[in-house]
Each structure stands twice: as C-alpha cells, then as structure tokens.
PDB file of all heavy atoms in Angstrom:
ATOM      1  N   GLY A   1      87.049 106.183 145.388  1.00  0.00           N
ATOM      2  CA  GLY A   1      86.223 105.251 144.646  1.00  0.00           C
ATOM      3  C   GLY A   1      85.883 105.715 143.246  1.00  0.00           C
ATOM      4  O   GLY A   1      84.944 105.227 142.633  1.00  0.00           O
ATOM      5  N   ILE A   2      86.666 106.648 142.706  1.00  0.00           N
ATOM      6  CA  ILE A   2      86.411 107.156 141.360  1.00  0.00           C
ATOM      7  C   ILE A   2      87.062 106.231 140.333  1.00  0.00           C
ATOM      8  O   ILE A   2      88.261 105.967 140.386  1.00  0.00           O
ATOM      9  CB  ILE A   2      86.958 108.585 141.194  1.00  0.00           C
ATOM     10  CG1 ILE A   2      86.310 109.543 142.205  1.00  0.00           C
ATOM     11  CG2 ILE A   2      86.774 109.069 139.769  1.00  0.00           C
ATOM     12  CD1 ILE A   2      84.819 109.716 141.996  1.00  0.00           C
ATOM     13  N   CYS A   3      86.269 105.732 139.403  1.00  0.00           N
ATOM     14  CA  CYS A   3      86.778 104.864 138.335  1.00  0.00           C
ATOM     15  C   CYS A   3      86.365 105.356 136.952  1.00  0.00           C
ATOM     16  O   CYS A   3      86.764 104.755 135.953  1.00  0.00           O
ATOM     17  CB  CYS A   3      86.272 103.428 138.518  1.00  0.00           C
ATOM     18  SG  CYS A   3      87.006 102.522 139.888  1.00  0.00           S
ATOM     19  N   ARG A   4      85.544 106.403 136.911  1.00  0.00           N
ATOM     20  CA  ARG A   4      85.004 106.906 135.648  1.00  0.00           C
ATOM     21  C   ARG A   4      85.403 108.365 135.440  1.00  0.00           C
ATOM     22  O   ARG A   4      85.468 109.141 136.389  1.00  0.00           O
ATOM     23  CB  ARG A   4      83.480 106.786 135.633  1.00  0.00           C
ATOM     24  CG  ARG A   4      82.961 105.367 135.718  1.00  0.00           C
ATOM     25  CD  ARG A   4      81.460 105.371 136.015  1.00  0.00           C
ATOM     26  NE  ARG A   4      80.721 106.165 135.055  1.00  0.00           N
ATOM     27  CZ  ARG A   4      80.151 105.681 133.942  1.00  0.00           C
ATOM     28  NH1 ARG A   4      80.239 104.391 133.681  1.00  0.00           N
ATOM     29  NH2 ARG A   4      79.491 106.474 133.120  1.00  0.00           N
ATOM     30  N   VAL A   5      85.625 108.708 134.188  1.00  0.00           N
ATOM     31  CA  VAL A   5      86.006 110.072 133.864  1.00  0.00           C
ATOM     32  C   VAL A   5      84.875 111.044 134.178  1.00  0.00           C
ATOM     33  O   VAL A   5      85.116 112.135 134.719  1.00  0.00           O
ATOM     34  CB  VAL A   5      86.401 110.177 132.381  1.00  0.00           C
ATOM     35  CG1 VAL A   5      86.620 111.638 131.976  1.00  0.00           C
ATOM     36  CG2 VAL A   5      87.658 109.361 132.100  1.00  0.00           C
ATOM     37  N   ASP A   6      83.631 110.665 133.860  1.00  0.00           N
ATOM     38  CA  ASP A   6      82.520 111.582 134.137  1.00  0.00           C
ATOM     39  C   ASP A   6      82.340 111.790 135.642  1.00  0.00           C
ATOM     40  O   ASP A   6      82.018 112.907 136.084  1.00  0.00           O
ATOM     41  CB  ASP A   6      81.225 111.088 133.491  1.00  0.00           C
ATOM     42  CG  ASP A   6      80.866 109.662 133.861  1.00  0.00           C
ATOM     43  OD1 ASP A   6      81.657 108.982 134.540  1.00  0.00           O
ATOM     44  OD2 ASP A   6      79.780 109.202 133.444  1.00  0.00           O
ATOM     45  N   ASP A   7      82.569 110.748 136.447  1.00  0.00           N
ATOM     46  CA  ASP A   7      82.488 110.917 137.901  1.00  0.00           C
ATOM     47  C   ASP A   7      83.616 111.815 138.407  1.00  0.00           C
ATOM     48  O   ASP A   7      83.427 112.602 139.339  1.00  0.00           O
ATOM     49  CB  ASP A   7      82.549 109.558 138.601  1.00  0.00           C
ATOM     50  CG  ASP A   7      81.229 108.804 138.522  1.00  0.00           C
ATOM     51  OD1 ASP A   7      80.193 109.442 138.248  1.00  0.00           O
ATOM     52  OD2 ASP A   7      81.240 107.581 138.744  1.00  0.00           O
ATOM     53  N   ALA A   8      84.798 111.680 137.808  1.00  0.00           N
ATOM     54  CA  ALA A   8      85.924 112.529 138.205  1.00  0.00           C
ATOM     55  C   ALA A   8      85.596 113.998 137.948  1.00  0.00           C
ATOM     56  O   ALA A   8      85.863 114.873 138.788  1.00  0.00           O
ATOM     57  CB  ALA A   8      87.180 112.119 137.449  1.00  0.00           C
ATOM     58  N   LYS A   9      85.003 114.273 136.790  1.00  0.00           N
ATOM     59  CA  LYS A   9      84.639 115.659 136.467  1.00  0.00           C
ATOM     60  C   LYS A   9      83.550 116.169 137.404  1.00  0.00           C
ATOM     61  O   LYS A   9      83.566 117.335 137.820  1.00  0.00           O
ATOM     62  CB  LYS A   9      84.171 115.740 135.016  1.00  0.00           C
ATOM     63  CG  LYS A   9      85.283 115.482 133.999  1.00  0.00           C
ATOM     64  CD  LYS A   9      84.748 115.562 132.582  1.00  0.00           C
ATOM     65  CE  LYS A   9      85.863 115.365 131.566  1.00  0.00           C
ATOM     66  NZ  LYS A   9      85.349 115.412 130.164  1.00  0.00           N
ATOM     67  N   ARG A  10      82.623 115.294 137.748  1.00  0.00           N
ATOM     68  CA  ARG A  10      81.550 115.718 138.649  1.00  0.00           C
ATOM     69  C   ARG A  10      82.102 115.978 140.051  1.00  0.00           C
ATOM     70  O   ARG A  10      81.636 116.874 140.757  1.00  0.00           O
ATOM     71  CB  ARG A  10      80.469 114.649 138.703  1.00  0.00           C
ATOM     72  CG  ARG A  10      79.198 115.141 139.361  1.00  0.00           C
ATOM     73  CD  ARG A  10      78.014 114.310 138.974  1.00  0.00           C
ATOM     74  NE  ARG A  10      76.782 114.878 139.520  1.00  0.00           N
ATOM     75  CZ  ARG A  10      75.576 114.366 139.325  1.00  0.00           C
ATOM     76  NH1 ARG A  10      75.436 113.280 138.580  1.00  0.00           N
ATOM     77  NH2 ARG A  10      74.509 114.935 139.849  1.00  0.00           N
ATOM     78  N   ALA A  11      83.101 115.186 140.454  1.00  0.00           N
ATOM     79  CA  ALA A  11      83.733 115.415 141.753  1.00  0.00           C
ATOM     80  C   ALA A  11      84.418 116.778 141.790  1.00  0.00           C
ATOM     81  O   ALA A  11      84.364 117.494 142.795  1.00  0.00           O
ATOM     82  CB  ALA A  11      84.743 114.308 142.041  1.00  0.00           C
ATOM     83  N   VAL A  12      85.059 117.138 140.688  1.00  0.00           N
ATOM     84  CA  VAL A  12      85.686 118.461 140.599  1.00  0.00           C
ATOM     85  C   VAL A  12      84.625 119.545 140.735  1.00  0.00           C
ATOM     86  O   VAL A  12      84.794 120.530 141.460  1.00  0.00           O
ATOM     87  CB  VAL A  12      86.448 118.612 139.267  1.00  0.00           C
ATOM     88  CG1 VAL A  12      86.927 120.053 139.087  1.00  0.00           C
ATOM     89  CG2 VAL A  12      87.632 117.656 139.217  1.00  0.00           C
ATOM     90  N   ASP A  13      83.490 119.373 140.043  1.00  0.00           N
ATOM     91  CA  ASP A  13      82.412 120.355 140.125  1.00  0.00           C
ATOM     92  C   ASP A  13      81.849 120.457 141.540  1.00  0.00           C
ATOM     93  O   ASP A  13      81.379 121.531 141.955  1.00  0.00           O
ATOM     94  CB  ASP A  13      81.284 119.976 139.161  1.00  0.00           C
ATOM     95  CG  ASP A  13      81.688 120.110 137.702  1.00  0.00           C
ATOM     96  OD1 ASP A  13      82.658 120.841 137.428  1.00  0.00           O
ATOM     97  OD2 ASP A  13      81.041 119.480 136.844  1.00  0.00           O
ATOM     98  N   ALA A  14      81.911 119.353 142.288  1.00  0.00           N
ATOM     99  CA  ALA A  14      81.403 119.358 143.666  1.00  0.00           C
ATOM    100  C   ALA A  14      82.365 120.041 144.624  1.00  0.00           C
ATOM    101  O   ALA A  14      82.014 120.291 145.783  1.00  0.00           O
ATOM    102  CB  ALA A  14      81.134 117.929 144.130  1.00  0.00           C
ATOM    103  N   GLY A  15      83.585 120.323 144.157  1.00  0.00           N
ATOM    104  CA  GLY A  15      84.524 121.081 144.976  1.00  0.00           C
ATOM    105  C   GLY A  15      85.546 120.274 145.741  1.00  0.00           C
ATOM    106  O   GLY A  15      86.205 120.820 146.637  1.00  0.00           O
ATOM    107  N   VAL A  16      85.719 118.974 145.429  1.00  0.00           N
ATOM    108  CA  VAL A  16      86.714 118.191 146.159  1.00  0.00           C
ATOM    109  C   VAL A  16      88.115 118.681 145.805  1.00  0.00           C
ATOM    110  O   VAL A  16      88.324 119.275 144.737  1.00  0.00           O
ATOM    111  CB  VAL A  16      86.591 116.684 145.854  1.00  0.00           C
ATOM    112  CG1 VAL A  16      85.180 116.188 146.137  1.00  0.00           C
ATOM    113  CG2 VAL A  16      86.999 116.377 144.424  1.00  0.00           C
ATOM    114  N   SER A  17      89.050 118.445 146.690  1.00  0.00           N
ATOM    115  CA  SER A  17      90.429 118.857 146.430  1.00  0.00           C
ATOM    116  C   SER A  17      91.292 117.712 145.930  1.00  0.00           C
ATOM    117  O   SER A  17      92.394 117.935 145.424  1.00  0.00           O
ATOM    118  CB  SER A  17      91.048 119.454 147.703  1.00  0.00           C
ATOM    119  OG  SER A  17      90.854 118.600 148.811  1.00  0.00           O
ATOM    120  N   ALA A  18      90.794 116.480 146.041  1.00  0.00           N
ATOM    121  CA  ALA A  18      91.532 115.320 145.557  1.00  0.00           C
ATOM    122  C   ALA A  18      90.565 114.173 145.315  1.00  0.00           C
ATOM    123  O   ALA A  18      89.488 114.117 145.916  1.00  0.00           O
ATOM    124  CB  ALA A  18      92.599 114.886 146.566  1.00  0.00           C
ATOM    125  N   ILE A  19      90.944 113.274 144.412  1.00  0.00           N
ATOM    126  CA  ILE A  19      90.152 112.071 144.187  1.00  0.00           C
ATOM    127  C   ILE A  19      91.068 110.862 144.267  1.00  0.00           C
ATOM    128  O   ILE A  19      92.240 110.921 143.890  1.00  0.00           O
ATOM    129  CB  ILE A  19      89.415 112.092 142.833  1.00  0.00           C
ATOM    130  CG1 ILE A  19      90.406 112.209 141.675  1.00  0.00           C
ATOM    131  CG2 ILE A  19      88.388 113.197 142.781  1.00  0.00           C
ATOM    132  CD1 ILE A  19      89.754 112.096 140.307  1.00  0.00           C
ATOM    133  N   SER A  20      90.520 109.789 144.768  1.00  0.00           N
ATOM    134  CA  SER A  20      91.255 108.522 144.858  1.00  0.00           C
ATOM    135  C   SER A  20      90.690 107.581 143.808  1.00  0.00           C
ATOM    136  O   SER A  20      89.519 107.190 143.876  1.00  0.00           O
ATOM    137  CB  SER A  20      91.091 107.910 146.252  1.00  0.00           C
ATOM    138  OG  SER A  20      91.588 106.589 146.280  1.00  0.00           O
ATOM    139  N   VAL A  21      91.513 107.255 142.814  1.00  0.00           N
ATOM    140  CA  VAL A  21      91.106 106.303 141.781  1.00  0.00           C
ATOM    141  C   VAL A  21      91.195 104.910 142.406  1.00  0.00           C
ATOM    142  O   VAL A  21      92.277 104.411 142.692  1.00  0.00           O
ATOM    143  CB  VAL A  21      92.009 106.412 140.545  1.00  0.00           C
ATOM    144  CG1 VAL A  21      91.597 105.378 139.487  1.00  0.00           C
ATOM    145  CG2 VAL A  21      91.941 107.823 139.966  1.00  0.00           C
ATOM    146  N   SER A  22      90.034 104.305 142.640  1.00  0.00           N
ATOM    147  CA  SER A  22      90.000 103.061 143.407  1.00  0.00           C
ATOM    148  C   SER A  22      88.754 102.262 143.067  1.00  0.00           C
ATOM    149  O   SER A  22      87.690 102.837 142.815  1.00  0.00           O
ATOM    150  CB  SER A  22      90.006 103.377 144.913  1.00  0.00           C
ATOM    151  OG  SER A  22      89.748 102.220 145.678  1.00  0.00           O
ATOM    152  N   ASN A  23      88.897 100.943 143.036  1.00  0.00           N
ATOM    153  CA  ASN A  23      87.718 100.079 142.916  1.00  0.00           C
ATOM    154  C   ASN A  23      87.458  99.344 144.227  1.00  0.00           C
ATOM    155  O   ASN A  23      86.813  98.310 144.255  1.00  0.00           O
ATOM    156  CB  ASN A  23      87.873  99.089 141.753  1.00  0.00           C
ATOM    157  CG  ASN A  23      88.978  98.071 141.978  1.00  0.00           C
ATOM    158  OD1 ASN A  23      89.644  98.064 143.016  1.00  0.00           O
ATOM    159  ND2 ASN A  23      89.192  97.199 141.014  1.00  0.00           N
ATOM    160  N   HIS A  24      87.997  99.890 145.313  1.00  0.00           N
ATOM    161  CA  HIS A  24      87.814  99.333 146.656  1.00  0.00           C
ATOM    162  C   HIS A  24      88.296  97.881 146.735  1.00  0.00           C
ATOM    163  O   HIS A  24      87.692  97.044 147.417  1.00  0.00           O
ATOM    164  CB  HIS A  24      86.348  99.429 147.100  1.00  0.00           C
ATOM    165  CG  HIS A  24      85.819 100.832 147.147  1.00  0.00           C
ATOM    166  ND1 HIS A  24      86.193 101.727 148.128  1.00  0.00           N
ATOM    167  CD2 HIS A  24      84.965 101.499 146.329  1.00  0.00           C
ATOM    168  CE1 HIS A  24      85.585 102.887 147.917  1.00  0.00           C
ATOM    169  NE2 HIS A  24      84.846 102.778 146.832  1.00  0.00           N
ATOM    170  N   GLY A  25      89.379  97.612 146.016  1.00  0.00           N
ATOM    171  CA  GLY A  25      89.937  96.262 146.061  1.00  0.00           C
ATOM    172  C   GLY A  25      89.051  95.217 145.409  1.00  0.00           C
ATOM    173  O   GLY A  25      89.241  94.019 145.615  1.00  0.00           O
ATOM    174  N   GLY A  26      88.082  95.651 144.609  1.00  0.00           N
ATOM    175  CA  GLY A  26      87.166  94.710 143.989  1.00  0.00           C
ATOM    176  C   GLY A  26      86.159  94.122 144.954  1.00  0.00           C
ATOM    177  O   GLY A  26      85.448  93.182 144.620  1.00  0.00           O
ATOM    178  N   ASN A  27      86.077  94.701 146.155  1.00  0.00           N
ATOM    179  CA  ASN A  27      85.171  94.152 147.171  1.00  0.00           C
ATOM    180  C   ASN A  27      83.701  94.359 146.803  1.00  0.00           C
ATOM    181  O   ASN A  27      82.852  93.531 147.121  1.00  0.00           O
ATOM    182  CB  ASN A  27      85.441  94.806 148.530  1.00  0.00           C
ATOM    183  CG  ASN A  27      86.792  94.417 149.090  1.00  0.00           C
ATOM    184  OD1 ASN A  27      87.290  93.335 148.816  1.00  0.00           O
ATOM    185  ND2 ASN A  27      87.401  95.305 149.866  1.00  0.00           N
ATOM    186  N   ASN A  28      83.397  95.496 146.177  1.00  0.00           N
ATOM    187  CA  ASN A  28      82.003  95.809 145.860  1.00  0.00           C
ATOM    188  C   ASN A  28      81.549  95.155 144.565  1.00  0.00           C
ATOM    189  O   ASN A  28      80.418  94.693 144.454  1.00  0.00           O
ATOM    190  CB  ASN A  28      81.812  97.321 145.766  1.00  0.00           C
ATOM    191  CG  ASN A  28      82.060  98.009 147.094  1.00  0.00           C
ATOM    192  OD1 ASN A  28      82.290  97.355 148.096  1.00  0.00           O
ATOM    193  ND2 ASN A  28      82.033  99.323 147.099  1.00  0.00           N
ATOM    194  N   LEU A  29      82.422  95.134 143.561  1.00  0.00           N
ATOM    195  CA  LEU A  29      82.107  94.538 142.273  1.00  0.00           C
ATOM    196  C   LEU A  29      83.406  93.986 141.705  1.00  0.00           C
ATOM    197  O   LEU A  29      84.253  94.736 141.222  1.00  0.00           O
ATOM    198  CB  LEU A  29      81.495  95.585 141.334  1.00  0.00           C
ATOM    199  CG  LEU A  29      81.037  95.085 139.965  1.00  0.00           C
ATOM    200  CD1 LEU A  29      79.919  94.052 140.115  1.00  0.00           C
ATOM    201  CD2 LEU A  29      80.573  96.249 139.099  1.00  0.00           C
ATOM    202  N   ASP A  30      83.538  92.657 141.762  1.00  0.00           N
ATOM    203  CA  ASP A  30      84.834  92.069 141.409  1.00  0.00           C
ATOM    204  C   ASP A  30      85.132  92.112 139.914  1.00  0.00           C
ATOM    205  O   ASP A  30      86.241  91.793 139.493  1.00  0.00           O
ATOM    206  CB  ASP A  30      84.947  90.636 141.936  1.00  0.00           C
ATOM    207  CG  ASP A  30      83.880  89.708 141.377  1.00  0.00           C
ATOM    208  OD1 ASP A  30      83.129  90.129 140.479  1.00  0.00           O
ATOM    209  OD2 ASP A  30      83.803  88.556 141.836  1.00  0.00           O
ATOM    210  N   GLY A  31      84.175  92.537 139.085  1.00  0.00           N
ATOM    211  CA  GLY A  31      84.432  92.672 137.663  1.00  0.00           C
ATOM    212  C   GLY A  31      84.876  94.065 137.259  1.00  0.00           C
ATOM    213  O   GLY A  31      85.120  94.319 136.083  1.00  0.00           O
TER     214      GLY A  31
END
C-alpha cells in the first residue's frame, strides 16, 4: 500500500524487506 516516497523511506527505516507499490485497486480512495 505504499504510494508515497516518504512512506517508502519510512518503511525502509522500519526494517521491511520489500514494499508493494499499490493503491489497493482504488478501493479505499478512488482518486
């Protein structure tokens, strides 16, 4: 569910090994 660069960097700082760039099919926010 990462769509922002700052969130991607924060995910790296949190120690994740991979991120999925996704807007969840627009289900949560269609814009």
